[in-house]
N, C-alpha and C. Protein backbone atom coordinates (compact mmCIF):
# COMPACT_ATOMS: atom_id res chain seq x y z
N MET A 1 -111.31 5.75 -189.99
CA MET A 1 -111.25 5.25 -188.63
C MET A 1 -111.30 6.42 -187.66
N SER A 2 -112.11 6.29 -186.64
CA SER A 2 -112.25 7.39 -185.68
C SER A 2 -111.19 7.30 -184.59
N THR A 3 -110.99 8.42 -183.96
CA THR A 3 -110.05 8.45 -182.84
C THR A 3 -110.81 8.70 -181.55
N LEU A 4 -110.15 8.59 -180.47
CA LEU A 4 -110.75 8.78 -179.16
C LEU A 4 -111.39 10.15 -179.02
N PHE A 5 -110.84 11.16 -179.65
CA PHE A 5 -111.30 12.53 -179.46
C PHE A 5 -112.32 12.99 -180.49
N ASP A 6 -112.67 12.18 -181.45
CA ASP A 6 -113.66 12.58 -182.46
C ASP A 6 -114.98 13.00 -181.83
N GLY A 7 -115.41 12.30 -180.80
CA GLY A 7 -116.67 12.62 -180.15
C GLY A 7 -116.66 13.91 -179.36
N LEU A 8 -115.50 14.49 -179.15
CA LEU A 8 -115.39 15.71 -178.36
C LEU A 8 -115.40 16.98 -179.21
N GLN A 9 -115.50 16.85 -180.50
CA GLN A 9 -115.43 18.01 -181.38
C GLN A 9 -116.52 19.03 -181.10
N ASP A 10 -117.70 18.57 -180.70
CA ASP A 10 -118.81 19.49 -180.46
C ASP A 10 -118.96 19.88 -179.00
N VAL A 11 -118.00 19.49 -178.18
CA VAL A 11 -118.05 19.79 -176.75
C VAL A 11 -117.17 21.00 -176.47
N SER A 12 -117.71 21.94 -175.73
CA SER A 12 -116.88 23.09 -175.36
C SER A 12 -116.83 23.18 -173.84
N SER A 13 -115.75 23.70 -173.35
CA SER A 13 -115.55 23.85 -171.92
C SER A 13 -114.75 25.12 -171.69
N PRO A 14 -115.06 25.86 -170.64
CA PRO A 14 -114.27 27.05 -170.35
C PRO A 14 -112.80 26.67 -170.12
N ALA A 15 -111.91 27.53 -170.51
CA ALA A 15 -110.48 27.25 -170.34
C ALA A 15 -110.08 27.28 -168.86
N ILE A 16 -110.74 28.10 -168.09
CA ILE A 16 -110.41 28.22 -166.67
C ILE A 16 -111.47 27.50 -165.86
N GLY A 17 -111.02 26.68 -164.93
CA GLY A 17 -111.95 25.93 -164.11
C GLY A 17 -111.54 25.94 -162.65
N LEU A 18 -112.28 25.20 -161.87
CA LEU A 18 -112.00 25.08 -160.45
C LEU A 18 -111.22 23.79 -160.21
N GLY A 19 -110.02 23.91 -159.70
CA GLY A 19 -109.22 22.74 -159.36
C GLY A 19 -109.70 22.15 -158.05
N ALA A 20 -109.95 20.85 -158.03
CA ALA A 20 -110.49 20.20 -156.84
C ALA A 20 -109.44 19.54 -155.96
N MET A 21 -108.19 19.63 -156.35
CA MET A 21 -107.15 18.98 -155.55
C MET A 21 -107.09 19.56 -154.14
N ASN A 22 -107.42 20.84 -154.01
CA ASN A 22 -107.39 21.47 -152.68
C ASN A 22 -108.46 20.91 -151.75
N LEU A 23 -109.40 20.14 -152.27
CA LEU A 23 -110.42 19.52 -151.44
C LEU A 23 -110.00 18.14 -150.96
N SER A 24 -108.86 17.66 -151.43
CA SER A 24 -108.40 16.32 -151.12
C SER A 24 -107.16 16.36 -150.23
N HIS A 25 -106.47 15.26 -150.18
CA HIS A 25 -105.24 15.14 -149.39
C HIS A 25 -104.05 15.83 -150.07
N GLY A 26 -104.26 16.38 -151.25
CA GLY A 26 -103.17 16.94 -152.04
C GLY A 26 -102.39 18.04 -151.35
N TYR A 27 -103.04 18.79 -150.47
CA TYR A 27 -102.37 19.89 -149.79
C TYR A 27 -102.43 19.71 -148.27
N GLY A 28 -102.46 18.47 -147.83
CA GLY A 28 -102.53 18.22 -146.40
C GLY A 28 -103.81 17.50 -146.03
N ARG A 29 -104.41 17.92 -144.95
CA ARG A 29 -105.62 17.27 -144.45
C ARG A 29 -106.81 17.56 -145.39
N PRO A 30 -107.56 16.51 -145.80
CA PRO A 30 -108.71 16.74 -146.69
C PRO A 30 -109.79 17.59 -146.02
N VAL A 31 -110.50 18.32 -146.85
CA VAL A 31 -111.63 19.12 -146.38
C VAL A 31 -112.77 18.15 -146.06
N PRO A 32 -113.47 18.35 -144.95
CA PRO A 32 -114.62 17.48 -144.65
C PRO A 32 -115.63 17.50 -145.81
N GLU A 33 -116.22 16.35 -146.08
CA GLU A 33 -117.11 16.22 -147.24
C GLU A 33 -118.22 17.26 -147.30
N PRO A 34 -118.92 17.57 -146.20
CA PRO A 34 -119.97 18.59 -146.30
C PRO A 34 -119.44 19.95 -146.75
N GLU A 35 -118.25 20.32 -146.29
CA GLU A 35 -117.64 21.59 -146.71
C GLU A 35 -117.23 21.55 -148.17
N ALA A 36 -116.67 20.42 -148.61
CA ALA A 36 -116.27 20.27 -150.00
C ALA A 36 -117.48 20.37 -150.92
N LEU A 37 -118.56 19.71 -150.56
CA LEU A 37 -119.77 19.77 -151.38
C LEU A 37 -120.34 21.18 -151.42
N ARG A 38 -120.30 21.88 -150.30
CA ARG A 38 -120.77 23.27 -150.26
C ARG A 38 -119.92 24.14 -151.19
N ALA A 39 -118.61 23.91 -151.18
CA ALA A 39 -117.71 24.69 -152.05
C ALA A 39 -118.02 24.43 -153.52
N LEU A 40 -118.20 23.17 -153.87
CA LEU A 40 -118.50 22.81 -155.26
C LEU A 40 -119.86 23.37 -155.69
N GLU A 41 -120.86 23.26 -154.83
CA GLU A 41 -122.18 23.81 -155.15
C GLU A 41 -122.13 25.32 -155.31
N SER A 42 -121.37 25.99 -154.45
CA SER A 42 -121.23 27.44 -154.55
C SER A 42 -120.55 27.83 -155.85
N ALA A 43 -119.51 27.10 -156.21
CA ALA A 43 -118.81 27.38 -157.47
C ALA A 43 -119.75 27.20 -158.66
N PHE A 44 -120.56 26.14 -158.62
CA PHE A 44 -121.52 25.92 -159.70
C PHE A 44 -122.52 27.07 -159.77
N ASP A 45 -123.01 27.49 -158.61
CA ASP A 45 -123.96 28.61 -158.55
C ASP A 45 -123.35 29.90 -159.09
N MET A 46 -122.02 30.05 -158.92
CA MET A 46 -121.33 31.25 -159.41
C MET A 46 -121.05 31.19 -160.91
N GLY A 47 -121.29 30.01 -161.52
CA GLY A 47 -121.10 29.91 -162.96
C GLY A 47 -120.00 28.97 -163.41
N TYR A 48 -119.27 28.37 -162.49
CA TYR A 48 -118.24 27.42 -162.89
C TYR A 48 -118.88 26.23 -163.57
N ARG A 49 -118.28 25.80 -164.68
CA ARG A 49 -118.76 24.62 -165.38
C ARG A 49 -117.61 23.66 -165.70
N HIS A 50 -116.41 24.05 -165.36
CA HIS A 50 -115.21 23.24 -165.58
C HIS A 50 -114.62 22.92 -164.21
N PHE A 51 -114.73 21.66 -163.83
CA PHE A 51 -114.19 21.21 -162.55
C PHE A 51 -113.04 20.25 -162.83
N ASP A 52 -111.86 20.63 -162.43
CA ASP A 52 -110.66 19.84 -162.66
C ASP A 52 -110.52 18.82 -161.54
N THR A 53 -110.75 17.55 -161.86
CA THR A 53 -110.69 16.48 -160.86
C THR A 53 -109.81 15.35 -161.36
N ALA A 54 -109.45 14.46 -160.48
CA ALA A 54 -108.67 13.28 -160.85
C ALA A 54 -108.95 12.17 -159.85
N THR A 55 -108.92 10.95 -160.31
CA THR A 55 -109.16 9.80 -159.45
C THR A 55 -108.16 9.74 -158.31
N LEU A 56 -106.94 10.18 -158.54
CA LEU A 56 -105.92 10.09 -157.49
C LEU A 56 -106.22 10.98 -156.30
N TYR A 57 -107.18 11.91 -156.44
CA TYR A 57 -107.55 12.75 -155.31
C TYR A 57 -108.28 11.94 -154.25
N GLY A 58 -108.82 10.81 -154.62
CA GLY A 58 -109.51 9.94 -153.67
C GLY A 58 -111.01 10.12 -153.71
N ALA A 59 -111.70 9.18 -153.08
CA ALA A 59 -113.16 9.22 -153.02
C ALA A 59 -113.61 10.24 -151.98
N THR A 60 -114.78 10.83 -152.20
CA THR A 60 -115.30 11.79 -151.24
C THR A 60 -116.14 11.12 -150.17
N SER A 61 -116.64 9.93 -150.44
CA SER A 61 -117.43 9.23 -149.42
C SER A 61 -116.87 7.84 -149.20
N GLN A 62 -117.16 7.31 -148.04
CA GLN A 62 -116.58 6.02 -147.68
C GLN A 62 -117.63 4.97 -147.47
């Protein structure tokens, strides 16, 4: 019988990633969406491949 994580055995991810909570209401006023997207795109361009996100951070568009 397989477990939930069996499919992840061949997946690798960097141990250090970019936390996205700072783009949400988590630390006060949310960052405007265009700025948040620019930050994420810049991080990707710099080589980030691990983005730490959570549903509780809220939607980026309305």
